[in-house]
Amino acid sequence: MFAEEFHFMTHSEQKIIVICDFSERMKEVIIHGARMADMLKKELCLTAIWKDKSQKSEIQDKIVQTTRNLKSNLPDLPISWLLLQKSLRDNMQKLVDEYNGVLVVLHQTDIHWVLKAFQQSSIAFLFVNGELPRFLSYKNVLVPVDYRKASKETSLWASYLGRFNRSQVQLIYAHETNNEDAGRLMKNLEFFKKFLSSLNVRHQQIAGKASSWGICNETLDRAEEWMGDLMIFSGSSSITLLDLMIGLPEKRIVKKAGHLPILLINPRKDICMMCD
């Protein structure tokens, strides 16, 4: 059995899963995770992974102490902890089905080892770096829109930020010269507008200069110009030989995001929905 629960864990509450590695950067991940849990009215679950039995007791002591310290500082926030055995990838389905995880929060530098887990995930991954107040507000959400069907998968999380945090959603849409591609792009943009309007989520359109293949990079490069404090985009729907040679686009984008949090959606899995 890969996952073990302890008395702090409750199965019924939906959870923001924060991956704890007890490094100096862990504080940044916990701060963002706590912000998301408070914003979305979810339980914060501090989660650690052990591979060797000789590590287990020490890791458990650390996660319990970290939880206690956090509870003393945030008494009104539901907080639990969880130990996972083996790897995050091996436990992704269990995190969703048995522990009601709805979001995994990690440090930006974790992207090098976590992609295999992400590819198995039906919940979003949030990559963070630093604790600057501006990037903890999550008030100005940048969503690149391209002609791929997968592009629409980001709409659900854009709506969560708009509904629960009163965030403004900026729809950065690509520029296509091919009529067929332009038609698919406009259908996606119309879908976003209709969907967000139906939920009374504030949003506006911004015309990008790049094609669908470059719109995520343009959004990241111009995030400062648009005062973005979160970018949501959909990962690769298929993996090509070129991706294996030079690395997946989502990995490259997360690595160069700086302090901008990146919320990554897996288009190859049905997205797990949050309860209001």
C-alpha atoms as a PDB file:
ATOM      1  CA  MET A   1       0.000   0.000   0.000  1.00  0.00           C
ATOM      2  CA  PHE A   2       1.640   3.229  -1.146  1.00  0.00           C
ATOM      3  CA  ALA A   3      -0.208   5.800   0.958  1.00  0.00           C
ATOM      4  CA  GLU A   4      -0.696   5.814   4.702  1.00  0.00           C
ATOM      5  CA  GLU A   5      -3.217   7.931   6.540  1.00  0.00           C
ATOM      6  CA  PHE A   6      -2.982   9.126  10.112  1.00  0.00           C
ATOM      7  CA  HIS A   7      -5.486  10.600  12.500  1.00  0.00           C
ATOM      8  CA  PHE A   8      -4.978  14.119  11.176  1.00  0.00           C
ATOM      9  CA  MET A   9      -6.283  13.063   7.768  1.00  0.00           C
ATOM     10  CA  THR A  10      -9.959  13.400   6.870  1.00  0.00           C
ATOM     11  CA  HIS A  11     -11.146  11.839   3.626  1.00  0.00           C
ATOM     12  CA  SER A  12     -14.305  13.874   3.075  1.00  0.00           C
ATOM     13  CA  GLU A  13     -12.842  17.371   2.682  1.00  0.00           C
ATOM     14  CA  GLN A  14     -11.375  18.379  -0.663  1.00  0.00           C
ATOM     15  CA  LYS A  15      -7.700  19.172  -0.235  1.00  0.00           C
ATOM     16  CA  ILE A  16      -4.905  21.367  -1.502  1.00  0.00           C
ATOM     17  CA  ILE A  17      -1.906  19.008  -1.541  1.00  0.00           C
ATOM     18  CA  VAL A  18       1.396  20.730  -0.687  1.00  0.00           C
ATOM     19  CA  ILE A  19       4.495  18.652  -1.390  1.00  0.00           C
ATOM     20  CA  CYS A  20       6.968  19.066   1.488  1.00  0.00           C
ATOM     21  CA  ASP A  21      10.657  18.229   1.048  1.00  0.00           C
ATOM     22  CA  PHE A  22      11.910  20.097   4.161  1.00  0.00           C
ATOM     23  CA  SER A  23      14.281  22.265   2.149  1.00  0.00           C
ATOM     24  CA  GLU A  24      14.561  26.035   2.626  1.00  0.00           C
ATOM     25  CA  ARG A  25      12.215  26.615  -0.321  1.00  0.00           C
ATOM     26  CA  MET A  26       9.433  24.553   1.302  1.00  0.00           C
ATOM     27  CA  LYS A  27       8.207  27.653   3.158  1.00  0.00           C
ATOM     28  CA  GLU A  28       7.366  29.309  -0.177  1.00  0.00           C
ATOM     29  CA  VAL A  29       5.306  26.311  -1.303  1.00  0.00           C
ATOM     30  CA  ILE A  30       3.398  26.176   2.007  1.00  0.00           C
ATOM     31  CA  ILE A  31       2.616  29.908   1.872  1.00  0.00           C
ATOM     32  CA  HIS A  32       1.130  29.605  -1.621  1.00  0.00           C
ATOM     33  CA  GLY A  33      -0.695  26.412  -0.670  1.00  0.00           C
ATOM     34  CA  ALA A  34      -2.215  28.068   2.401  1.00  0.00           C
ATOM     35  CA  ARG A  35      -3.259  31.044   0.267  1.00  0.00           C
ATOM     36  CA  MET A  36      -5.008  28.724  -2.201  1.00  0.00           C
ATOM     37  CA  ALA A  37      -6.659  26.697   0.571  1.00  0.00           C
ATOM     38  CA  ASP A  38      -7.997  29.841   2.217  1.00  0.00           C
ATOM     39  CA  MET A  39      -9.152  31.316  -1.079  1.00  0.00           C
ATOM     40  CA  LEU A  40     -10.911  28.161  -2.280  1.00  0.00           C
ATOM     41  CA  LYS A  41     -12.167  27.147   1.196  1.00  0.00           C
ATOM     42  CA  LYS A  42     -10.380  23.795   1.108  1.00  0.00           C
ATOM     43  CA  GLU A  43      -8.329  21.792   3.584  1.00  0.00           C
ATOM     44  CA  LEU A  44      -4.558  22.224   3.389  1.00  0.00           C
ATOM     45  CA  CYS A  45      -2.778  18.863   3.349  1.00  0.00           C
ATOM     46  CA  LEU A  46       0.985  18.849   3.950  1.00  0.00           C
ATOM     47  CA  THR A  47       2.312  15.803   2.139  1.00  0.00           C
ATOM     48  CA  ALA A  48       5.727  14.144   2.309  1.00  0.00           C
ATOM     49  CA  ILE A  49       7.160  11.178   0.423  1.00  0.00           C
ATOM     50  CA  TRP A  50       9.371   8.455   1.863  1.00  0.00           C
ATOM     51  CA  LYS A  51      11.195   5.725  -0.037  1.00  0.00           C
ATOM     52  CA  ASP A  52      13.268   3.983   2.623  1.00  0.00           C
ATOM     53  CA  LYS A  53      11.929   2.728   5.958  1.00  0.00           C
ATOM     54  CA  SER A  54      14.933   4.258   7.694  1.00  0.00           C
ATOM     55  CA  GLN A  55      13.614   7.698   6.588  1.00  0.00           C
ATOM     56  CA  LYS A  56       9.991   7.198   7.532  1.00  0.00           C
ATOM     57  CA  SER A  57      10.116   7.999  11.245  1.00  0.00           C
ATOM     58  CA  GLU A  58      12.213  11.142  10.751  1.00  0.00           C
ATOM     59  CA  ILE A  59      10.000  12.402   7.918  1.00  0.00           C
ATOM     60  CA  GLN A  60       6.872  11.722   9.947  1.00  0.00           C
ATOM     61  CA  ASP A  61       8.254  13.695  12.914  1.00  0.00           C
ATOM     62  CA  LYS A  62       9.080  16.609  10.606  1.00  0.00           C
ATOM     63  CA  ILE A  63       5.678  16.685   8.910  1.00  0.00           C
ATOM     64  CA  VAL A  64       3.857  16.507  12.262  1.00  0.00           C
ATOM     65  CA  GLN A  65       5.948  19.350  13.702  1.00  0.00           C
ATOM     66  CA  THR A  66       5.480  21.454  10.564  1.00  0.00           C
ATOM     67  CA  THR A  67       1.722  20.898  10.772  1.00  0.00           C
ATOM     68  CA  ARG A  68       1.631  21.883  14.447  1.00  0.00           C
ATOM     69  CA  ASN A  69       3.582  25.076  13.802  1.00  0.00           C
ATOM     70  CA  LEU A  70       1.324  25.999  10.908  1.00  0.00           C
ATOM     71  CA  LYS A  71      -1.830  25.306  12.907  1.00  0.00           C
ATOM     72  CA  SER A  72      -0.629  27.650  15.659  1.00  0.00           C
ATOM     73  CA  ASN A  73      -0.180  30.443  13.076  1.00  0.00           C
ATOM     74  CA  LEU A  74      -3.344  29.676  11.070  1.00  0.00           C
ATOM     75  CA  PRO A  75      -5.846  28.349  13.629  1.00  0.00           C
ATOM     76  CA  ASP A  76      -8.892  28.879  11.381  1.00  0.00           C
ATOM     77  CA  LEU A  77      -7.499  26.964   8.397  1.00  0.00           C
ATOM     78  CA  PRO A  78      -8.202  23.193   8.271  1.00  0.00           C
ATOM     79  CA  ILE A  79      -4.779  21.520   8.044  1.00  0.00           C
ATOM     80  CA  SER A  80      -3.878  17.838   7.810  1.00  0.00           C
ATOM     81  CA  TRP A  81      -0.810  15.810   6.882  1.00  0.00           C
ATOM     82  CA  LEU A  82      -0.102  12.709   4.852  1.00  0.00           C
ATOM     83  CA  LEU A  83       2.831  10.389   4.176  1.00  0.00           C
ATOM     84  CA  LEU A  84       3.161   8.735   0.787  1.00  0.00           C
ATOM     85  CA  GLN A  85       5.407   5.792   0.065  1.00  0.00           C
ATOM     86  CA  LYS A  86       7.474   5.356  -3.091  1.00  0.00           C
ATOM     87  CA  SER A  87       6.705   8.338  -5.384  1.00  0.00           C
ATOM     88  CA  LEU A  88       4.147  11.003  -6.240  1.00  0.00           C
ATOM     89  CA  ARG A  89       3.492   9.355  -9.590  1.00  0.00           C
ATOM     90  CA  ASP A  90       2.517   6.054  -7.954  1.00  0.00           C
ATOM     91  CA  ASN A  91       0.061   7.832  -5.656  1.00  0.00           C
ATOM     92  CA  MET A  92      -1.655  10.292  -8.002  1.00  0.00           C
ATOM     93  CA  GLN A  93      -4.858   8.300  -8.440  1.00  0.00           C
ATOM     94  CA  LYS A  94      -5.028   7.587  -4.712  1.00  0.00           C
ATOM     95  CA  LEU A  95      -4.617  11.293  -3.906  1.00  0.00           C
ATOM     96  CA  VAL A  96      -7.665  12.063  -6.040  1.00  0.00           C
ATOM     97  CA  ASP A  97      -9.908   9.047  -5.399  1.00  0.00           C
ATOM     98  CA  GLU A  98      -9.228   8.389  -1.709  1.00  0.00           C
ATOM     99  CA  TYR A  99      -7.926  11.678  -0.319  1.00  0.00           C
ATOM    100  CA  ASN A 100      -9.957  14.145  -2.416  1.00  0.00           C
ATOM    101  CA  GLY A 101      -7.017  16.166  -3.650  1.00  0.00           C
ATOM    102  CA  VAL A 102      -7.996  18.961  -6.056  1.00  0.00           C
ATOM    103  CA  LEU A 103      -4.639  20.730  -6.522  1.00  0.00           C
ATOM    104  CA  VAL A 104      -0.960  19.875  -6.039  1.00  0.00           C
ATOM    105  CA  VAL A 105       1.378  22.730  -5.069  1.00  0.00           C
ATOM    106  CA  LEU A 106       5.109  22.426  -5.686  1.00  0.00           C
ATOM    107  CA  HIS A 107       8.195  24.576  -6.092  1.00  0.00           C
ATOM    108  CA  GLN A 108       9.138  25.650  -9.593  1.00  0.00           C
ATOM    109  CA  THR A 109      12.405  23.698  -9.343  1.00  0.00           C
ATOM    110  CA  ASP A 110      10.447  20.460  -8.852  1.00  0.00           C
ATOM    111  CA  ILE A 111       9.446  20.473 -12.518  1.00  0.00           C
ATOM    112  CA  HIS A 112      12.477  18.338 -13.416  1.00  0.00           C
ATOM    113  CA  TRP A 113      11.180  15.298 -11.484  1.00  0.00           C
ATOM    114  CA  VAL A 114       7.417  15.759 -11.323  1.00  0.00           C
ATOM    115  CA  LEU A 115       6.325  15.646 -14.973  1.00  0.00           C
ATOM    116  CA  LYS A 116       5.653  11.899 -14.949  1.00  0.00           C
ATOM    117  CA  ALA A 117       3.300  12.390 -12.006  1.00  0.00           C
ATOM    118  CA  PHE A 118       1.617  15.312 -13.774  1.00  0.00           C
ATOM    119  CA  GLN A 119       1.002  13.167 -16.855  1.00  0.00           C
ATOM    120  CA  GLN A 120      -0.962  10.748 -14.636  1.00  0.00           C
ATOM    121  CA  SER A 121      -2.936  13.502 -12.931  1.00  0.00           C
ATOM    122  CA  SER A 122      -6.560  14.569 -13.264  1.00  0.00           C
ATOM    123  CA  ILE A 123      -5.927  17.554 -10.963  1.00  0.00           C
ATOM    124  CA  ALA A 124      -3.960  20.731 -11.638  1.00  0.00           C
ATOM    125  CA  PHE A 125      -0.351  21.354 -10.572  1.00  0.00           C
ATOM    126  CA  LEU A 126       0.647  24.797  -9.273  1.00  0.00           C
ATOM    127  CA  PHE A 127       4.342  25.695  -9.527  1.00  0.00           C
ATOM    128  CA  VAL A 128       5.525  28.582  -7.346  1.00  0.00           C
ATOM    129  CA  ASN A 129       8.755  30.438  -6.619  1.00  0.00           C
ATOM    130  CA  GLY A 130       9.151  32.983  -3.825  1.00  0.00           C
ATOM    131  CA  GLU A 131       6.686  34.692  -1.530  1.00  0.00           C
ATOM    132  CA  LEU A 132       6.395  38.205  -2.939  1.00  0.00           C
ATOM    133  CA  PRO A 133       2.995  39.648  -1.895  1.00  0.00           C
ATOM    134  CA  ARG A 134       2.147  40.615  -5.473  1.00  0.00           C
ATOM    135  CA  PHE A 135       2.279  36.978  -6.568  1.00  0.00           C
ATOM    136  CA  LEU A 136       0.141  35.812  -3.683  1.00  0.00           C
ATOM    137  CA  SER A 137      -2.915  37.840  -4.645  1.00  0.00           C
ATOM    138  CA  TYR A 138      -3.914  35.742  -7.681  1.00  0.00           C
ATOM    139  CA  LYS A 139      -6.054  38.650  -8.828  1.00  0.00           C
ATOM    140  CA  ASN A 140      -4.917  39.042 -12.446  1.00  0.00           C
ATOM    141  CA  VAL A 141      -4.989  35.679 -14.179  1.00  0.00           C
ATOM    142  CA  LEU A 142      -3.399  35.265 -17.615  1.00  0.00           C
ATOM    143  CA  VAL A 143      -4.870  32.535 -19.827  1.00  0.00           C
ATOM    144  CA  PRO A 144      -3.308  31.977 -23.267  1.00  0.00           C
ATOM    145  CA  VAL A 145      -5.890  30.789 -25.809  1.00  0.00           C
ATOM    146  CA  ASP A 146      -4.823  28.831 -28.901  1.00  0.00           C
ATOM    147  CA  TYR A 147      -6.605  26.750 -31.520  1.00  0.00           C
ATOM    148  CA  ARG A 148      -6.065  23.385 -29.799  1.00  0.00           C
ATOM    149  CA  LYS A 149      -9.037  21.637 -28.259  1.00  0.00           C
ATOM    150  CA  ALA A 150      -6.856  21.269 -25.153  1.00  0.00           C
ATOM    151  CA  SER A 151      -6.783  25.048 -24.771  1.00  0.00           C
ATOM    152  CA  LYS A 152     -10.342  25.023 -23.408  1.00  0.00           C
ATOM    153  CA  GLU A 153      -9.306  22.776 -20.501  1.00  0.00           C
ATOM    154  CA  THR A 154      -8.017  25.832 -18.609  1.00  0.00           C
ATOM    155  CA  SER A 155     -11.456  27.438 -18.457  1.00  0.00           C
ATOM    156  CA  LEU A 156     -12.545  25.591 -15.304  1.00  0.00           C
ATOM    157  CA  TRP A 157      -9.659  26.820 -13.171  1.00  0.00           C
ATOM    158  CA  ALA A 158      -9.964  30.314 -14.617  1.00  0.00           C
ATOM    159  CA  SER A 159     -13.583  30.274 -13.441  1.00  0.00           C
ATOM    160  CA  TYR A 160     -12.586  29.082  -9.936  1.00  0.00           C
ATOM    161  CA  LEU A 161     -10.213  32.026  -9.538  1.00  0.00           C
ATOM    162  CA  GLY A 162     -12.858  34.400 -10.834  1.00  0.00           C
ATOM    163  CA  ARG A 163     -15.628  33.062  -8.607  1.00  0.00           C
ATOM    164  CA  PHE A 164     -13.787  32.436  -5.345  1.00  0.00           C
ATOM    165  CA  ASN A 165     -11.186  35.226  -5.528  1.00  0.00           C
ATOM    166  CA  ARG A 166     -12.961  37.796  -7.722  1.00  0.00           C
ATOM    167  CA  SER A 167      -9.990  37.623 -10.063  1.00  0.00           C
ATOM    168  CA  GLN A 168      -9.869  39.292 -13.460  1.00  0.00           C
ATOM    169  CA  VAL A 169      -9.189  36.780 -16.246  1.00  0.00           C
ATOM    170  CA  GLN A 170      -7.155  38.025 -19.206  1.00  0.00           C
ATOM    171  CA  LEU A 171      -7.722  35.916 -22.321  1.00  0.00           C
ATOM    172  CA  ILE A 172      -4.535  36.257 -24.385  1.00  0.00           C
ATOM    173  CA  TYR A 173      -5.521  34.900 -27.777  1.00  0.00           C
ATOM    174  CA  ALA A 174      -3.147  33.835 -30.535  1.00  0.00           C
ATOM    175  CA  HIS A 175      -2.791  35.351 -33.998  1.00  0.00           C
ATOM    176  CA  GLU A 176      -3.473  32.924 -36.841  1.00  0.00           C
ATOM    177  CA  THR A 177      -3.218  33.684 -40.563  1.00  0.00           C
ATOM    178  CA  ASN A 178      -4.522  30.318 -41.752  1.00  0.00           C
ATOM    179  CA  ASN A 179      -8.323  30.512 -42.073  1.00  0.00           C
ATOM    180  CA  GLU A 180      -8.977  27.056 -40.650  1.00  0.00           C
ATOM    181  CA  ASP A 181      -6.722  27.611 -37.636  1.00  0.00           C
ATOM    182  CA  ALA A 182      -8.176  31.083 -37.096  1.00  0.00           C
ATOM    183  CA  GLY A 183     -11.691  29.623 -37.114  1.00  0.00           C
ATOM    184  CA  ARG A 184     -10.792  27.034 -34.471  1.00  0.00           C
ATOM    185  CA  LEU A 185      -9.120  29.726 -32.387  1.00  0.00           C
ATOM    186  CA  MET A 186     -12.181  31.988 -32.507  1.00  0.00           C
ATOM    187  CA  LYS A 187     -14.430  29.088 -31.473  1.00  0.00           C
ATOM    188  CA  ASN A 188     -12.240  28.526 -28.422  1.00  0.00           C
ATOM    189  CA  LEU A 189     -12.255  32.227 -27.573  1.00  0.00           C
ATOM    190  CA  GLU A 190     -16.039  32.387 -27.876  1.00  0.00           C
ATOM    191  CA  PHE A 191     -16.323  29.346 -25.622  1.00  0.00           C
ATOM    192  CA  PHE A 192     -14.225  31.086 -22.937  1.00  0.00           C
ATOM    193  CA  LYS A 193     -16.254  34.280 -23.166  1.00  0.00           C
ATOM    194  CA  LYS A 194     -19.587  32.486 -22.970  1.00  0.00           C
ATOM    195  CA  PHE A 195     -18.495  30.175 -20.143  1.00  0.00           C
ATOM    196  CA  LEU A 196     -16.966  32.912 -17.968  1.00  0.00           C
ATOM    197  CA  SER A 197     -19.880  35.276 -18.614  1.00  0.00           C
ATOM    198  CA  SER A 198     -22.338  32.590 -17.495  1.00  0.00           C
ATOM    199  CA  LEU A 199     -20.550  32.508 -14.120  1.00  0.00           C
ATOM    200  CA  ASN A 200     -20.221  36.304 -13.845  1.00  0.00           C
ATOM    201  CA  VAL A 201     -16.433  36.079 -13.960  1.00  0.00           C
ATOM    202  CA  ARG A 202     -14.722  39.318 -14.970  1.00  0.00           C
ATOM    203  CA  HIS A 203     -12.672  38.848 -18.126  1.00  0.00           C
ATOM    204  CA  GLN A 204     -11.254  40.695 -21.090  1.00  0.00           C
ATOM    205  CA  GLN A 205      -9.577  39.783 -24.376  1.00  0.00           C
ATOM    206  CA  ILE A 206      -6.040  40.749 -25.357  1.00  0.00           C
ATOM    207  CA  ALA A 207      -4.804  40.102 -28.886  1.00  0.00           C
ATOM    208  CA  GLY A 208      -1.461  38.352 -28.883  1.00  0.00           C
ATOM    209  CA  LYS A 209       1.107  38.565 -31.666  1.00  0.00           C
ATOM    210  CA  ALA A 210       2.274  34.960 -31.659  1.00  0.00           C
ATOM    211  CA  SER A 211       0.677  31.930 -33.281  1.00  0.00           C
ATOM    212  CA  SER A 212      -0.901  29.152 -31.252  1.00  0.00           C
ATOM    213  CA  TRP A 213       2.500  27.476 -30.946  1.00  0.00           C
ATOM    214  CA  GLY A 214       4.055  30.580 -29.396  1.00  0.00           C
ATOM    215  CA  ILE A 215       1.212  32.178 -27.428  1.00  0.00           C
ATOM    216  CA  CYS A 216       2.201  30.601 -24.095  1.00  0.00           C
ATOM    217  CA  ASN A 217       5.728  31.945 -24.426  1.00  0.00           C
ATOM    218  CA  GLU A 218       4.428  35.379 -25.416  1.00  0.00           C
ATOM    219  CA  THR A 219       2.077  35.404 -22.413  1.00  0.00           C
ATOM    220  CA  LEU A 220       4.975  34.566 -20.101  1.00  0.00           C
ATOM    221  CA  ASP A 221       7.300  37.111 -21.724  1.00  0.00           C
ATOM    222  CA  ARG A 222       4.681  39.896 -21.444  1.00  0.00           C
ATOM    223  CA  ALA A 223       3.282  38.928 -18.035  1.00  0.00           C
ATOM    224  CA  GLU A 224       4.932  41.967 -16.415  1.00  0.00           C
ATOM    225  CA  GLU A 225       3.417  44.265 -19.052  1.00  0.00           C
ATOM    226  CA  TRP A 226      -0.030  42.855 -18.325  1.00  0.00           C
ATOM    227  CA  MET A 227       0.564  42.810 -14.539  1.00  0.00           C
ATOM    228  CA  GLY A 228      -0.221  39.108 -14.370  1.00  0.00           C
ATOM    229  CA  ASP A 229       0.180  37.279 -11.062  1.00  0.00           C
ATOM    230  CA  LEU A 230      -0.775  33.781 -12.314  1.00  0.00           C
ATOM    231  CA  MET A 231      -0.641  32.033 -15.667  1.00  0.00           C
ATOM    232  CA  ILE A 232      -2.854  29.028 -16.435  1.00  0.00           C
ATOM    233  CA  PHE A 233      -2.121  26.864 -19.417  1.00  0.00           C
ATOM    234  CA  SER A 234      -2.727  23.384 -20.735  1.00  0.00           C
ATOM    235  CA  GLY A 235       0.156  20.935 -21.030  1.00  0.00           C
ATOM    236  CA  SER A 236       0.988  18.767 -24.020  1.00  0.00           C
ATOM    237  CA  SER A 237      -1.858  16.609 -25.316  1.00  0.00           C
ATOM    238  CA  SER A 238       0.681  14.363 -27.056  1.00  0.00           C
ATOM    239  CA  ILE A 239       4.430  13.841 -26.764  1.00  0.00           C
ATOM    240  CA  THR A 240       6.511  13.875 -29.956  1.00  0.00           C
ATOM    241  CA  LEU A 241      10.050  12.698 -30.654  1.00  0.00           C
ATOM    242  CA  LEU A 242      11.116  16.351 -30.679  1.00  0.00           C
ATOM    243  CA  ASP A 243       9.636  16.799 -27.184  1.00  0.00           C
ATOM    244  CA  LEU A 244      11.706  13.854 -25.955  1.00  0.00           C
ATOM    245  CA  MET A 245      14.829  15.408 -27.464  1.00  0.00           C
ATOM    246  CA  ILE A 246      14.479  19.023 -26.322  1.00  0.00           C
ATOM    247  CA  GLY A 247      12.000  18.704 -23.442  1.00  0.00           C
ATOM    248  CA  LEU A 248       8.276  19.382 -23.148  1.00  0.00           C
ATOM    249  CA  PRO A 249       7.067  22.989 -23.635  1.00  0.00           C
ATOM    250  CA  GLU A 250       5.494  23.019 -20.158  1.00  0.00           C
ATOM    251  CA  LYS A 251       8.830  22.147 -18.575  1.00  0.00           C
ATOM    252  CA  ARG A 252      10.603  24.976 -20.405  1.00  0.00           C
ATOM    253  CA  ILE A 253       7.902  27.491 -19.490  1.00  0.00           C
ATOM    254  CA  VAL A 254       7.815  26.584 -15.781  1.00  0.00           C
ATOM    255  CA  LYS A 255      11.623  26.761 -15.591  1.00  0.00           C
ATOM    256  CA  LYS A 256      11.731  30.318 -16.966  1.00  0.00           C
ATOM    257  CA  ALA A 257       8.640  31.660 -15.148  1.00  0.00           C
ATOM    258  CA  GLY A 258      10.615  33.548 -12.501  1.00  0.00           C
ATOM    259  CA  HIS A 259       8.298  34.547  -9.650  1.00  0.00           C
ATOM    260  CA  LEU A 260       5.126  34.105 -11.721  1.00  0.00           C
ATOM    261  CA  PRO A 261       3.081  31.132 -10.444  1.00  0.00           C
ATOM    262  CA  ILE A 262       2.175  28.665 -13.188  1.00  0.00           C
ATOM    263  CA  LEU A 263      -0.990  26.557 -12.987  1.00  0.00           C
ATOM    264  CA  LEU A 264      -0.652  23.572 -15.297  1.00  0.00           C
ATOM    265  CA  ILE A 265      -3.609  21.504 -16.537  1.00  0.00           C
ATOM    266  CA  ASN A 266      -3.261  17.987 -17.945  1.00  0.00           C
ATOM    267  CA  PRO A 267      -5.400  17.795 -21.135  1.00  0.00           C
ATOM    268  CA  ARG A 268      -5.006  14.017 -21.367  1.00  0.00           C
ATOM    269  CA  LYS A 269      -7.164  13.374 -18.306  1.00  0.00           C
ATOM    270  CA  ASP A 270     -10.708  14.399 -17.395  1.00  0.00           C
ATOM    271  CA  ILE A 271     -10.351  17.279 -14.955  1.00  0.00           C
ATOM    272  CA  CYS A 272     -11.465  16.622 -11.381  1.00  0.00           C
ATOM    273  CA  MET A 273     -14.025  19.270 -10.426  1.00  0.00           C
ATOM    274  CA  MET A 274     -14.129  21.164  -7.159  1.00  0.00           C
ATOM    275  CA  CYS A 275     -17.196  21.332  -4.949  1.00  0.00           C
ATOM    276  CA  ASP A 276     -18.508  24.796  -4.102  1.00  0.00           C
END
